[in-house]
């Protein structure tokens, strides 16, 4: 289901690419889960589809990194706040 959350993430990631001149989207109707994405590159030697693919890959990597960081932080917190171990002493 495509909506503003995914579309805005893609737009912002695309705009990080120096080859992208313009990135925008339109969500035509709130009941229709579809977005229209427009990507314009600054040179004809870089295809908009390539920049979109790279943006999706970058977001995927960032998401994986975030999941790892959160999982590690939770595990660290659990180790530091282990009340079950303290109660048994």
PDB file of N, CA and C in Angstrom:
ATOM      1  N   UNK A   1       0.860  -1.170   0.000  1.00  0.00           N
ATOM      2  CA  UNK A   1       0.000   0.000   0.000  1.00  0.00           C
ATOM      3  C   UNK A   1       0.908   1.236   0.000  1.00  0.00           C
ATOM      4  N   UNK A   2       0.885   1.988  -1.052  1.00  0.00           N
ATOM      5  CA  UNK A   2       1.730   3.174  -1.182  1.00  0.00           C
ATOM      6  C   UNK A   2       0.997   4.391  -0.620  1.00  0.00           C
ATOM      7  N   UNK A   3       1.724   5.202   0.142  1.00  0.00           N
ATOM      8  CA  UNK A   3       1.141   6.428   0.655  1.00  0.00           C
ATOM      9  C   UNK A   3       2.239   7.469   0.833  1.00  0.00           C
ATOM     10  N   UNK A   4       1.905   8.533   1.529  1.00  0.00           N
ATOM     11  CA  UNK A   4       2.851   9.643   1.696  1.00  0.00           C
ATOM     12  C   UNK A   4       4.120   9.230   2.441  1.00  0.00           C
ATOM     13  N   UNK A   5       4.022   8.277   3.352  1.00  0.00           N
ATOM     14  CA  UNK A   5       5.197   7.878   4.124  1.00  0.00           C
ATOM     15  C   UNK A   5       6.281   7.325   3.208  1.00  0.00           C
ATOM     16  N   UNK A   6       5.927   6.360   2.398  1.00  0.00           N
ATOM     17  CA  UNK A   6       6.887   5.744   1.475  1.00  0.00           C
ATOM     18  C   UNK A   6       7.316   6.747   0.411  1.00  0.00           C
ATOM     19  N   UNK A   7       6.368   7.473  -0.129  1.00  0.00           N
ATOM     20  CA  UNK A   7       6.681   8.421  -1.201  1.00  0.00           C
ATOM     21  C   UNK A   7       7.641   9.514  -0.736  1.00  0.00           C
ATOM     22  N   UNK A   8       7.419  10.038   0.446  1.00  0.00           N
ATOM     23  CA  UNK A   8       8.293  11.100   0.946  1.00  0.00           C
ATOM     24  C   UNK A   8       9.689  10.562   1.266  1.00  0.00           C
ATOM     25  N   UNK A   9       9.770   9.344   1.794  1.00  0.00           N
ATOM     26  CA  UNK A   9      11.077   8.727   2.020  1.00  0.00           C
ATOM     27  C   UNK A   9      11.848   8.601   0.708  1.00  0.00           C
ATOM     28  N   UNK A  10      11.178   8.111  -0.322  1.00  0.00           N
ATOM     29  CA  UNK A  10      11.820   7.981  -1.632  1.00  0.00           C
ATOM     30  C   UNK A  10      12.248   9.335  -2.178  1.00  0.00           C
ATOM     31  N   UNK A  11      11.372  10.310  -2.074  1.00  0.00           N
ATOM     32  CA  UNK A  11      11.677  11.648  -2.585  1.00  0.00           C
ATOM     33  C   UNK A  11      12.904  12.224  -1.889  1.00  0.00           C
ATOM     34  N   UNK A  12      12.937  12.129  -0.571  1.00  0.00           N
ATOM     35  CA  UNK A  12      14.070  12.686   0.164  1.00  0.00           C
ATOM     36  C   UNK A  12      15.372  11.948  -0.138  1.00  0.00           C
ATOM     37  N   UNK A  13      15.294  10.627  -0.291  1.00  0.00           N
ATOM     38  CA  UNK A  13      16.490   9.860  -0.621  1.00  0.00           C
ATOM     39  C   UNK A  13      16.970  10.204  -2.031  1.00  0.00           C
ATOM     40  N   UNK A  14      16.050  10.372  -2.954  1.00  0.00           N
ATOM     41  CA  UNK A  14      16.420  10.758  -4.316  1.00  0.00           C
ATOM     42  C   UNK A  14      17.109  12.119  -4.337  1.00  0.00           C
ATOM     43  N   UNK A  15      16.622  13.039  -3.526  1.00  0.00           N
ATOM     44  CA  UNK A  15      17.203  14.380  -3.514  1.00  0.00           C
ATOM     45  C   UNK A  15      18.601  14.422  -2.904  1.00  0.00           C
ATOM     46  N   UNK A  16      18.999  13.378  -2.206  1.00  0.00           N
ATOM     47  CA  UNK A  16      20.377  13.285  -1.695  1.00  0.00           C
ATOM     48  C   UNK A  16      21.375  13.010  -2.826  1.00  0.00           C
ATOM     49  N   UNK A  17      20.885  12.455  -3.912  1.00  0.00           N
ATOM     50  CA  UNK A  17      21.737  12.114  -5.052  1.00  0.00           C
ATOM     51  C   UNK A  17      22.039  13.373  -5.857  1.00  0.00           C
ATOM     52  N   UNK A  18      23.327  13.710  -6.030  1.00  0.00           N
ATOM     53  CA  UNK A  18      23.675  14.926  -6.783  1.00  0.00           C
ATOM     54  C   UNK A  18      23.233  14.884  -8.252  1.00  0.00           C
ATOM     55  N   UNK A  19      22.990  13.699  -8.779  1.00  0.00           N
ATOM     56  CA  UNK A  19      22.555  13.585 -10.178  1.00  0.00           C
ATOM     57  C   UNK A  19      21.065  13.880 -10.340  1.00  0.00           C
ATOM     58  N   UNK A  20      20.325  13.955  -9.235  1.00  0.00           N
ATOM     59  CA  UNK A  20      18.879  14.201  -9.305  1.00  0.00           C
ATOM     60  C   UNK A  20      18.620  15.701  -9.243  1.00  0.00           C
ATOM     61  N   UNK A  21      17.975  16.182 -10.285  1.00  0.00           N
ATOM     62  CA  UNK A  21      17.629  17.603 -10.375  1.00  0.00           C
ATOM     63  C   UNK A  21      16.280  17.875  -9.698  1.00  0.00           C
ATOM     64  N   UNK A  22      15.345  16.944  -9.865  1.00  0.00           N
ATOM     65  CA  UNK A  22      14.005  17.098  -9.300  1.00  0.00           C
ATOM     66  C   UNK A  22      13.468  15.735  -8.908  1.00  0.00           C
ATOM     67  N   UNK A  23      12.813  15.669  -7.756  1.00  0.00           N
ATOM     68  CA  UNK A  23      12.099  14.465  -7.333  1.00  0.00           C
ATOM     69  C   UNK A  23      10.841  14.913  -6.616  1.00  0.00           C
ATOM     70  N   UNK A  24       9.737  14.426  -7.081  1.00  0.00           N
ATOM     71  CA  UNK A  24       8.461  14.783  -6.470  1.00  0.00           C
ATOM     72  C   UNK A  24       7.468  13.657  -6.651  1.00  0.00           C
ATOM     73  N   UNK A  25       6.389  13.736  -5.918  1.00  0.00           N
ATOM     74  CA  UNK A  25       5.357  12.717  -6.038  1.00  0.00           C
ATOM     75  C   UNK A  25       3.986  13.342  -5.856  1.00  0.00           C
ATOM     76  N   UNK A  26       2.992  12.585  -6.301  1.00  0.00           N
ATOM     77  CA  UNK A  26       1.610  12.998  -6.131  1.00  0.00           C
ATOM     78  C   UNK A  26       0.820  11.767  -5.693  1.00  0.00           C
ATOM     79  N   UNK A  27      -0.014  11.953  -4.707  1.00  0.00           N
ATOM     80  CA  UNK A  27      -0.915  10.899  -4.239  1.00  0.00           C
ATOM     81  C   UNK A  27      -2.302  11.341  -4.696  1.00  0.00           C
ATOM     82  N   UNK A  28      -2.755  10.843  -5.858  1.00  0.00           N
ATOM     83  CA  UNK A  28      -3.961  11.387  -6.491  1.00  0.00           C
ATOM     84  C   UNK A  28      -5.244  11.338  -5.651  1.00  0.00           C
ATOM     85  N   UNK A  29      -5.429  10.263  -4.900  1.00  0.00           N
ATOM     86  CA  UNK A  29      -6.666  10.134  -4.138  1.00  0.00           C
ATOM     87  C   UNK A  29      -6.395   9.318  -2.882  1.00  0.00           C
ATOM     88  N   UNK A  30      -6.918   9.750  -1.720  1.00  0.00           N
ATOM     89  CA  UNK A  30      -6.624   9.045  -0.470  1.00  0.00           C
ATOM     90  C   UNK A  30      -7.140   7.606  -0.412  1.00  0.00           C
ATOM     91  N   UNK A  31      -8.144   7.282  -1.200  1.00  0.00           N
ATOM     92  CA  UNK A  31      -8.681   5.921  -1.184  1.00  0.00           C
ATOM     93  C   UNK A  31      -8.003   5.000  -2.195  1.00  0.00           C
ATOM     94  N   UNK A  32      -7.184   5.572  -3.046  1.00  0.00           N
ATOM     95  CA  UNK A  32      -6.456   4.779  -4.042  1.00  0.00           C
ATOM     96  C   UNK A  32      -4.993   4.729  -3.601  1.00  0.00           C
ATOM     97  N   UNK A  33      -4.523   3.535  -3.321  1.00  0.00           N
ATOM     98  CA  UNK A  33      -3.164   3.353  -2.810  1.00  0.00           C
ATOM     99  C   UNK A  33      -2.175   3.298  -3.967  1.00  0.00           C
ATOM    100  N   UNK A  34      -1.908   4.474  -4.506  1.00  0.00           N
ATOM    101  CA  UNK A  34      -1.016   4.595  -5.647  1.00  0.00           C
ATOM    102  C   UNK A  34      -0.365   5.971  -5.574  1.00  0.00           C
ATOM    103  N   UNK A  35       0.914   6.022  -5.925  1.00  0.00           N
ATOM    104  CA  UNK A  35       1.591   7.317  -6.006  1.00  0.00           C
ATOM    105  C   UNK A  35       2.162   7.481  -7.401  1.00  0.00           C
ATOM    106  N   UNK A  36       2.230   8.707  -7.832  1.00  0.00           N
ATOM    107  CA  UNK A  36       2.900   9.044  -9.086  1.00  0.00           C
ATOM    108  C   UNK A  36       4.203   9.733  -8.712  1.00  0.00           C
ATOM    109  N   UNK A  37       5.307   9.158  -9.150  1.00  0.00           N
ATOM    110  CA  UNK A  37       6.624   9.659  -8.806  1.00  0.00           C
ATOM    111  C   UNK A  37       7.277  10.232 -10.049  1.00  0.00           C
ATOM    112  N   UNK A  38       7.859  11.437  -9.898  1.00  0.00           N
ATOM    113  CA  UNK A  38       8.566  12.049 -11.017  1.00  0.00           C
ATOM    114  C   UNK A  38      10.006  12.293 -10.589  1.00  0.00           C
ATOM    115  N   UNK A  39      10.928  11.811 -11.412  1.00  0.00           N
ATOM    116  CA  UNK A  39      12.349  11.980 -11.149  1.00  0.00           C
ATOM    117  C   UNK A  39      12.992  12.558 -12.399  1.00  0.00           C
ATOM    118  N   UNK A  40      13.722  13.652 -12.205  1.00  0.00           N
ATOM    119  CA  UNK A  40      14.454  14.266 -13.314  1.00  0.00           C
ATOM    120  C   UNK A  40      15.921  14.337 -12.908  1.00  0.00           C
ATOM    121  N   UNK A  41      16.773  13.827 -13.785  1.00  0.00           N
ATOM    122  CA  UNK A  41      18.203  13.867 -13.496  1.00  0.00           C
ATOM    123  C   UNK A  41      18.829  15.061 -14.199  1.00  0.00           C
ATOM    124  N   UNK A  42      20.000  15.455 -13.709  1.00  0.00           N
ATOM    125  CA  UNK A  42      20.665  16.648 -14.246  1.00  0.00           C
ATOM    126  C   UNK A  42      21.396  16.378 -15.549  1.00  0.00           C
ATOM    127  N   UNK A  43      21.552  15.121 -15.900  1.00  0.00           N
ATOM    128  CA  UNK A  43      22.230  14.775 -17.154  1.00  0.00           C
ATOM    129  C   UNK A  43      21.517  13.590 -17.810  1.00  0.00           C
ATOM    130  N   UNK A  44      21.586  13.517 -19.098  1.00  0.00           N
ATOM    131  CA  UNK A  44      20.940  12.415 -19.802  1.00  0.00           C
ATOM    132  C   UNK A  44      21.725  11.116 -19.682  1.00  0.00           C
ATOM    133  N   UNK A  45      22.922  11.185 -19.111  1.00  0.00           N
ATOM    134  CA  UNK A  45      23.744   9.987 -18.964  1.00  0.00           C
ATOM    135  C   UNK A  45      23.366   9.177 -17.729  1.00  0.00           C
ATOM    136  N   UNK A  46      22.533   9.738 -16.872  1.00  0.00           N
ATOM    137  CA  UNK A  46      22.052   9.019 -15.686  1.00  0.00           C
ATOM    138  C   UNK A  46      20.541   8.874 -15.820  1.00  0.00           C
ATOM    139  N   UNK A  47      20.093   7.629 -15.912  1.00  0.00           N
ATOM    140  CA  UNK A  47      18.658   7.373 -16.083  1.00  0.00           C
ATOM    141  C   UNK A  47      17.929   7.536 -14.751  1.00  0.00           C
ATOM    142  N   UNK A  48      16.743   8.150 -14.765  1.00  0.00           N
ATOM    143  CA  UNK A  48      15.961   8.276 -13.534  1.00  0.00           C
ATOM    144  C   UNK A  48      15.689   6.924 -12.867  1.00  0.00           C
ATOM    145  N   UNK A  49      15.492   5.887 -13.665  1.00  0.00           N
ATOM    146  CA  UNK A  49      15.245   4.555 -13.097  1.00  0.00           C
ATOM    147  C   UNK A  49      16.452   4.069 -12.301  1.00  0.00           C
ATOM    148  N   UNK A  50      17.651   4.415 -12.755  1.00  0.00           N
ATOM    149  CA  UNK A  50      18.868   4.020 -12.026  1.00  0.00           C
ATOM    150  C   UNK A  50      18.936   4.727 -10.673  1.00  0.00           C
ATOM    151  N   UNK A  51      18.604   6.005 -10.661  1.00  0.00           N
ATOM    152  CA  UNK A  51      18.650   6.745  -9.396  1.00  0.00           C
ATOM    153  C   UNK A  51      17.576   6.243  -8.432  1.00  0.00           C
ATOM    154  N   UNK A  52      16.427   5.870  -8.973  1.00  0.00           N
ATOM    155  CA  UNK A  52      15.363   5.317  -8.130  1.00  0.00           C
ATOM    156  C   UNK A  52      15.800   3.981  -7.535  1.00  0.00           C
ATOM    157  N   UNK A  53      16.397   3.141  -8.343  1.00  0.00           N
ATOM    158  CA  UNK A  53      16.884   1.853  -7.865  1.00  0.00           C
ATOM    159  C   UNK A  53      17.941   2.040  -6.778  1.00  0.00           C
ATOM    160  N   UNK A  54      18.852   2.977  -6.983  1.00  0.00           N
ATOM    161  CA  UNK A  54      19.895   3.254  -5.986  1.00  0.00           C
ATOM    162  C   UNK A  54      19.278   3.800  -4.697  1.00  0.00           C
ATOM    163  N   UNK A  55      18.269   4.647  -4.815  1.00  0.00           N
ATOM    164  CA  UNK A  55      17.605   5.214  -3.636  1.00  0.00           C
ATOM    165  C   UNK A  55      16.914   4.124  -2.828  1.00  0.00           C
ATOM    166  N   UNK A  56      16.264   3.199  -3.514  1.00  0.00           N
ATOM    167  CA  UNK A  56      15.590   2.091  -2.835  1.00  0.00           C
ATOM    168  C   UNK A  56      16.625   1.213  -2.115  1.00  0.00           C
ATOM    169  N   UNK A  57      17.728   0.936  -2.784  1.00  0.00           N
ATOM    170  CA  UNK A  57      18.795   0.128  -2.175  1.00  0.00           C
ATOM    171  C   UNK A  57      19.374   0.828  -0.950  1.00  0.00           C
ATOM    172  N   UNK A  58      19.610   2.137  -1.057  1.00  0.00           N
ATOM    173  CA  UNK A  58      20.132   2.909   0.082  1.00  0.00           C
ATOM    174  C   UNK A  58      19.169   2.881   1.263  1.00  0.00           C
ATOM    175  N   UNK A  59      17.883   3.052   0.992  1.00  0.00           N
ATOM    176  CA  UNK A  59      16.888   3.020   2.069  1.00  0.00           C
ATOM    177  C   UNK A  59      16.826   1.639   2.712  1.00  0.00           C
ATOM    178  N   UNK A  60      16.963   0.612   1.914  1.00  0.00           N
ATOM    179  CA  UNK A  60      16.975  -0.744   2.439  1.00  0.00           C
ATOM    180  C   UNK A  60      18.165  -0.944   3.369  1.00  0.00           C
ATOM    181  N   UNK A  61      19.334  -0.465   2.959  1.00  0.00           N
ATOM    182  CA  UNK A  61      20.533  -0.577   3.792  1.00  0.00           C
ATOM    183  C   UNK A  61      20.393   0.226   5.086  1.00  0.00           C
ATOM    184  N   UNK A  62      19.832   1.422   4.987  1.00  0.00           N
ATOM    185  CA  UNK A  62      19.622   2.240   6.184  1.00  0.00           C
ATOM    186  C   UNK A  62      18.647   1.569   7.151  1.00  0.00           C
ATOM    187  N   UNK A  63      17.620   0.939   6.607  1.00  0.00           N
ATOM    188  CA  UNK A  63      16.639   0.235   7.431  1.00  0.00           C
ATOM    189  C   UNK A  63      17.289  -0.949   8.138  1.00  0.00           C
ATOM    190  N   UNK A  64      18.100  -1.711   7.400  1.00  0.00           N
ATOM    191  CA  UNK A  64      18.815  -2.834   8.012  1.00  0.00           C
ATOM    192  C   UNK A  64      19.729  -2.355   9.133  1.00  0.00           C
ATOM    193  N   UNK A  65      20.420  -1.256   8.902  1.00  0.00           N
ATOM    194  CA  UNK A  65      21.320  -0.701   9.913  1.00  0.00           C
ATOM    195  C   UNK A  65      20.521  -0.264  11.153  1.00  0.00           C
ATOM    196  N   UNK A  66      19.400   0.382  10.937  1.00  0.00           N
ATOM    197  CA  UNK A  66      18.555   0.830  12.047  1.00  0.00           C
ATOM    198  C   UNK A  66      18.045  -0.352  12.867  1.00  0.00           C
ATOM    199  N   UNK A  67      17.610  -1.399  12.197  1.00  0.00           N
ATOM    200  CA  UNK A  67      17.118  -2.591  12.897  1.00  0.00           C
ATOM    201  C   UNK A  67      18.237  -3.191  13.744  1.00  0.00           C
ATOM    202  N   UNK A  68      19.435  -3.275  13.188  1.00  0.00           N
ATOM    203  CA  UNK A  68      20.582  -3.815  13.930  1.00  0.00           C
ATOM    204  C   UNK A  68      20.882  -2.965  15.154  1.00  0.00           C
ATOM    205  N   UNK A  69      20.894  -1.651  14.982  1.00  0.00           N
ATOM    206  CA  UNK A  69      21.195  -0.748  16.100  1.00  0.00           C
ATOM    207  C   UNK A  69      20.153  -0.867  17.208  1.00  0.00           C
ATOM    208  N   UNK A  70      18.884  -0.932  16.846  1.00  0.00           N
ATOM    209  CA  UNK A  70      17.817  -1.040  17.845  1.00  0.00           C
ATOM    210  C   UNK A  70      17.895  -2.384  18.564  1.00  0.00           C
ATOM    211  N   UNK A  71      18.113  -3.454  17.822  1.00  0.00           N
ATOM    212  CA  UNK A  71      18.230  -4.781  18.420  1.00  0.00           C
ATOM    213  C   UNK A  71      19.393  -4.833  19.403  1.00  0.00           C
ATOM    214  N   UNK A  72      20.540  -4.278  18.992  1.00  0.00           N
ATOM    215  CA  UNK A  72      21.706  -4.240  19.883  1.00  0.00           C
ATOM    216  C   UNK A  72      21.428  -3.424  21.143  1.00  0.00           C
ATOM    217  N   UNK A  73      20.759  -2.282  20.983  1.00  0.00           N
ATOM    218  CA  UNK A  73      20.449  -1.425  22.134  1.00  0.00           C
ATOM    219  C   UNK A  73      19.495  -2.126  23.093  1.00  0.00           C
ATOM    220  N   UNK A  74      18.529  -2.850  22.566  1.00  0.00           N
ATOM    221  CA  UNK A  74      17.588  -3.578  23.421  1.00  0.00           C
ATOM    222  C   UNK A  74      18.311  -4.676  24.188  1.00  0.00           C
ATOM    223  N   UNK A  75      19.159  -5.415  23.492  1.00  0.00           N
ATOM    224  CA  UNK A  75      19.926  -6.475  24.155  1.00  0.00           C
ATOM    225  C   UNK A  75      20.836  -5.907  25.240  1.00  0.00           C
ATOM    226  N   UNK A  76      21.486  -4.783  24.953  1.00  0.00           N
ATOM    227  CA  UNK A  76      22.355  -4.146  25.941  1.00  0.00           C
ATOM    228  C   UNK A  76      21.541  -3.713  27.161  1.00  0.00           C
ATOM    229  N   UNK A  77      20.387  -3.112  26.916  1.00  0.00           N
ATOM    230  CA  UNK A  77      19.531  -2.673  28.022  1.00  0.00           C
ATOM    231  C   UNK A  77      19.086  -3.861  28.877  1.00  0.00           C
ATOM    232  N   UNK A  78      18.733  -4.962  28.196  1.00  0.00           N
ATOM    233  CA  UNK A  78      18.299  -6.153  28.933  1.00  0.00           C
ATOM    234  C   UNK A  78      19.433  -6.695  29.806  1.00  0.00           C
ATOM    235  N   UNK A  79      20.658  -6.706  29.266  1.00  0.00           N
ATOM    236  CA  UNK A  79      21.806  -7.190  30.045  1.00  0.00           C
ATOM    237  C   UNK A  79      22.066  -6.286  31.250  1.00  0.00           C
ATOM    238  N   UNK A  80      21.960  -4.985  31.056  1.00  0.00           N
ATOM    239  CA  UNK A  80      22.248  -4.036  32.127  1.00  0.00           C
ATOM    240  C   UNK A  80      21.130  -3.940  33.159  1.00  0.00           C
ATOM    241  N   UNK A  81      19.945  -4.347  32.786  1.00  0.00           N
ATOM    242  CA  UNK A  81      18.786  -4.219  33.676  1.00  0.00           C
ATOM    243  C   UNK A  81      18.142  -5.564  33.971  1.00  0.00           C
ATOM    244  N   UNK A  82      18.958  -6.579  34.059  1.00  0.00           N
ATOM    245  CA  UNK A  82      18.461  -7.924  34.320  1.00  0.00           C
ATOM    246  C   UNK A  82      18.023  -8.043  35.774  1.00  0.00           C
ATOM    247  N   UNK A  83      16.727  -7.867  36.040  1.00  0.00           N
ATOM    248  CA  UNK A  83      16.217  -7.933  37.412  1.00  0.00           C
ATOM    249  C   UNK A  83      16.051  -9.373  37.878  1.00  0.00           C
ATOM    250  N   UNK A  84      15.871 -10.299  36.962  1.00  0.00           N
ATOM    251  CA  UNK A  84      15.721 -11.704  37.362  1.00  0.00           C
ATOM    252  C   UNK A  84      17.010 -12.214  37.989  1.00  0.00           C
ATOM    253  N   UNK A  85      18.158 -11.839  37.441  1.00  0.00           N
ATOM    254  CA  UNK A  85      19.441 -12.262  37.982  1.00  0.00           C
ATOM    255  C   UNK A  85      19.681 -11.675  39.358  1.00  0.00           C
ATOM    256  N   UNK A  86      19.232 -10.459  39.569  1.00  0.00           N
ATOM    257  CA  UNK A  86      19.420  -9.797  40.853  1.00  0.00           C
ATOM    258  C   UNK A  86      18.511 -10.392  41.934  1.00  0.00           C
ATOM    259  N   UNK A  87      17.320 -10.839  41.565  1.00  0.00           N
ATOM    260  CA  UNK A  87      16.386 -11.386  42.538  1.00  0.00           C
ATOM    261  C   UNK A  87      16.855 -12.738  43.067  1.00  0.00           C
ATOM    262  N   UNK A  88      17.594 -13.480  42.255  1.00  0.00           N
ATOM    263  CA  UNK A  88      18.047 -14.802  42.663  1.00  0.00           C
ATOM    264  C   UNK A  88      19.204 -14.757  43.638  1.00  0.00           C
ATOM    265  N   UNK A  89      19.830 -13.628  43.839  1.00  0.00           N
ATOM    266  CA  UNK A  89      21.002 -13.533  44.715  1.00  0.00           C
ATOM    267  C   UNK A  89      20.621 -13.384  46.157  1.00  0.00           C
TER     268      UNK A  89
END
